[in-house]
Amino acid sequence: MKRIALSAEQIQDRVAQLGDEITRAYPDGELLVLGLLKGSFIFLSDLVRCVRRPLHVDFLVASSYGNETQSSGFVHLVYDPETELAGKHILLVEDIVDSGRTLSRVIEVLQQRNPRSLEICALLDKHVATHLTYPPKFVGFDAPNEFLVGYGLDHAESFRHLPYIASLQ
């Protein structure tokens, strides 16, 4: 590892603030927090415990790679939530917004299911996905242009367990 980009304390403080922001943003209606797996699971777990209102949680898994090393541009939902989305506030939780390709396609799929509202909460945003129709409404941190691991982010499925976010060399 090159350096610790965000300490565990910094992350927990910001997650608590995001929980407050989300609580205020959704005063009524059904709120479904959808985690985009695998990277979001630790962030989502901490986040929902900081949101002080009733909510439901579900997950989805999207793949645009298949067996290739480059994205095909076609996003396939490997796990599609069974929860009814129509009429609900949907908060899609993502670990990091980078190119935004997968996120854009997932948003298109979710919009077709007629939610009451649809927003994105990202722990990290690299600010390179300028084409997003739905940019994240809730962002934990601006991400440096480095390869980051920890707190759910991985490199070849390793490092997810770290309580902080580090830059890999």
Protein backbone atom coordinates (compact mmCIF):
# COMPACT_ATOMS: atom_id res chain seq x y z
CA MET A 1 0.00 0.00 0.00
CA LYS A 2 1.17 3.45 -0.87
CA ARG A 3 -0.76 5.51 1.71
CA ILE A 4 -3.96 5.68 3.72
CA ALA A 5 -6.25 8.01 1.79
CA LEU A 6 -9.12 8.02 4.33
CA SER A 7 -8.90 6.83 7.93
CA ALA A 8 -11.56 4.69 9.57
CA GLU A 9 -12.49 7.69 11.74
CA GLN A 10 -12.90 10.00 8.74
CA ILE A 11 -15.10 7.44 7.02
CA GLN A 12 -17.31 6.84 10.06
CA ASP A 13 -17.77 10.59 10.66
CA ARG A 14 -18.80 11.18 7.06
CA VAL A 15 -21.11 8.15 6.96
CA ALA A 16 -22.92 9.53 10.03
CA GLN A 17 -23.29 12.90 8.26
CA LEU A 18 -24.64 11.16 5.14
CA GLY A 19 -27.16 9.32 7.33
CA ASP A 20 -28.39 12.67 8.65
CA GLU A 21 -28.61 14.12 5.11
CA ILE A 22 -30.58 11.12 3.88
CA THR A 23 -32.92 11.23 6.88
CA ARG A 24 -33.74 14.88 6.11
CA ALA A 25 -34.10 14.25 2.36
CA TYR A 26 -36.77 11.56 2.82
CA PRO A 27 -39.29 12.76 5.41
CA ASP A 28 -42.07 10.50 4.11
CA GLY A 29 -42.85 7.62 1.80
CA GLU A 30 -41.30 4.20 1.50
CA LEU A 31 -37.51 4.26 1.22
CA LEU A 32 -35.69 1.32 -0.37
CA VAL A 33 -31.92 1.39 -0.08
CA LEU A 34 -30.43 -0.69 -2.90
CA GLY A 35 -26.79 -1.70 -2.59
CA LEU A 36 -24.78 -2.34 -5.73
CA LEU A 37 -22.69 -5.38 -4.85
CA LYS A 38 -20.06 -6.27 -4.02
CA GLY A 39 -18.24 -3.06 -3.23
CA SER A 40 -21.04 -1.25 -1.42
CA PHE A 41 -21.85 -3.82 1.26
CA ILE A 42 -19.72 -2.42 4.09
CA PHE A 43 -20.64 1.20 3.33
CA LEU A 44 -24.34 0.31 3.02
CA SER A 45 -24.27 -1.59 6.31
CA ASP A 46 -22.83 1.38 8.20
CA LEU A 47 -24.99 3.90 6.32
CA VAL A 48 -28.41 2.35 7.01
CA ARG A 49 -27.65 2.29 10.73
CA CYS A 50 -27.19 6.09 10.55
CA VAL A 51 -30.46 6.78 8.74
CA ARG A 52 -33.11 7.57 11.36
CA ARG A 53 -36.32 6.57 9.56
CA PRO A 54 -37.94 3.34 8.44
CA LEU A 55 -36.38 1.79 5.35
CA HIS A 56 -35.96 -1.47 3.50
CA VAL A 57 -32.71 -2.86 2.12
CA ASP A 58 -32.07 -4.97 -0.94
CA PHE A 59 -29.15 -5.56 -3.26
CA LEU A 60 -28.41 -5.94 -6.92
CA VAL A 61 -25.45 -7.30 -8.79
CA ALA A 62 -24.65 -5.92 -12.22
CA SER A 63 -22.05 -7.21 -14.63
CA SER A 64 -20.76 -5.63 -17.81
CA TYR A 65 -17.62 -7.74 -18.09
CA GLY A 66 -18.65 -11.38 -18.31
CA ASN A 67 -15.41 -13.29 -18.80
CA GLU A 68 -13.64 -10.39 -20.47
CA THR A 69 -11.25 -7.81 -19.06
CA GLN A 70 -13.00 -4.90 -20.79
CA SER A 71 -16.60 -3.84 -20.38
CA SER A 72 -18.93 -4.95 -23.13
CA GLY A 73 -21.12 -1.91 -22.53
CA PHE A 74 -24.07 -4.25 -21.97
CA VAL A 75 -25.08 -4.48 -18.34
CA HIS A 76 -26.61 -7.72 -17.17
CA LEU A 77 -28.32 -7.84 -13.76
CA VAL A 78 -26.87 -10.97 -12.20
CA TYR A 79 -29.13 -10.51 -9.17
CA ASP A 80 -32.22 -8.39 -9.70
CA PRO A 81 -34.07 -7.27 -6.56
CA GLU A 82 -37.41 -8.96 -6.08
CA THR A 83 -38.70 -6.00 -4.09
CA GLU A 84 -41.42 -3.96 -5.82
CA LEU A 85 -39.89 -0.59 -6.83
CA ALA A 86 -42.95 1.26 -8.15
CA GLY A 87 -43.95 4.22 -6.02
CA LYS A 88 -40.97 3.96 -3.65
CA HIS A 89 -38.06 6.27 -3.03
CA ILE A 90 -35.04 4.33 -4.30
CA LEU A 91 -31.59 5.19 -3.00
CA LEU A 92 -28.93 3.32 -4.98
CA VAL A 93 -25.76 2.93 -2.91
CA GLU A 94 -22.45 2.62 -4.75
CA ASP A 95 -18.91 2.35 -3.40
CA ILE A 96 -17.19 4.49 -6.04
CA VAL A 97 -18.30 6.36 -9.15
CA ASP A 98 -15.59 6.05 -11.76
CA SER A 99 -16.50 5.76 -15.46
CA GLY A 100 -20.22 5.59 -14.65
CA ARG A 101 -21.05 3.08 -17.41
CA THR A 102 -22.53 0.40 -15.19
CA LEU A 103 -24.25 2.98 -12.99
CA SER A 104 -25.90 4.64 -16.01
CA ARG A 105 -27.29 1.33 -17.26
CA VAL A 106 -28.53 0.30 -13.81
CA ILE A 107 -30.32 3.65 -13.47
CA GLU A 108 -32.03 3.08 -16.84
CA VAL A 109 -33.26 -0.33 -15.69
CA LEU A 110 -34.50 1.01 -12.35
CA GLN A 111 -36.28 3.98 -13.96
CA GLN A 112 -38.38 1.58 -16.03
CA ARG A 113 -39.86 0.25 -12.79
CA ASN A 114 -41.52 3.59 -11.94
CA PRO A 115 -40.03 4.54 -8.59
CA ARG A 116 -41.36 7.64 -6.83
CA SER A 117 -37.80 8.97 -6.86
CA LEU A 118 -34.37 7.61 -7.70
CA GLU A 119 -31.11 8.97 -6.28
CA ILE A 120 -27.55 7.77 -5.88
CA CYS A 121 -25.41 7.76 -2.77
CA ALA A 122 -21.72 7.10 -3.42
CA LEU A 123 -19.01 6.78 -0.84
CA LEU A 124 -16.45 8.06 -3.35
CA ASP A 125 -16.73 10.07 -6.56
CA LYS A 126 -13.80 10.46 -8.95
CA HIS A 127 -15.69 13.14 -10.92
CA VAL A 128 -14.78 11.63 -14.28
CA ALA A 129 -18.31 10.44 -15.19
CA THR A 130 -19.57 13.77 -16.49
CA HIS A 131 -22.18 12.12 -18.75
CA LEU A 132 -24.35 10.76 -15.94
CA THR A 133 -28.02 11.63 -16.23
CA TYR A 134 -28.25 11.01 -12.49
CA PRO A 135 -25.10 12.23 -10.79
CA PRO A 136 -24.81 11.18 -7.15
CA LYS A 137 -26.95 13.32 -4.84
CA PHE A 138 -25.11 12.14 -1.74
CA VAL A 139 -21.32 11.81 -1.87
CA GLY A 140 -19.04 10.84 0.97
CA PHE A 141 -15.72 12.01 -0.45
CA ASP A 142 -14.10 13.22 -3.64
CA ALA A 143 -11.80 10.38 -4.67
CA PRO A 144 -8.20 10.94 -5.68
CA ASN A 145 -7.18 9.61 -9.08
CA GLU A 146 -5.54 6.56 -7.56
CA PHE A 147 -6.42 2.88 -7.29
CA LEU A 148 -8.18 2.60 -3.93
CA VAL A 149 -8.84 -0.42 -1.72
CA GLY A 150 -10.45 -1.04 1.65
CA TYR A 151 -13.86 -0.48 3.24
CA GLY A 152 -15.44 -2.69 0.58
CA LEU A 153 -13.21 -1.68 -2.34
CA ASP A 154 -11.06 -4.51 -3.63
CA HIS A 155 -8.20 -5.54 -5.84
CA ALA A 156 -8.81 -9.08 -7.12
CA GLU A 157 -11.23 -9.64 -4.18
CA SER A 158 -8.57 -8.70 -1.60
CA PHE A 159 -8.47 -5.73 0.81
CA ARG A 160 -12.27 -5.31 1.21
CA HIS A 161 -11.97 -5.98 4.95
CA LEU A 162 -9.77 -2.97 5.74
CA PRO A 163 -11.52 -0.38 7.98
CA TYR A 164 -9.84 2.46 6.03
CA ILE A 165 -9.33 3.33 2.37
CA ALA A 166 -5.81 3.09 1.03
CA SER A 167 -4.09 3.81 -2.24
CA LEU A 168 -2.36 0.86 -3.87
CA GLN A 169 0.94 1.29 -5.62
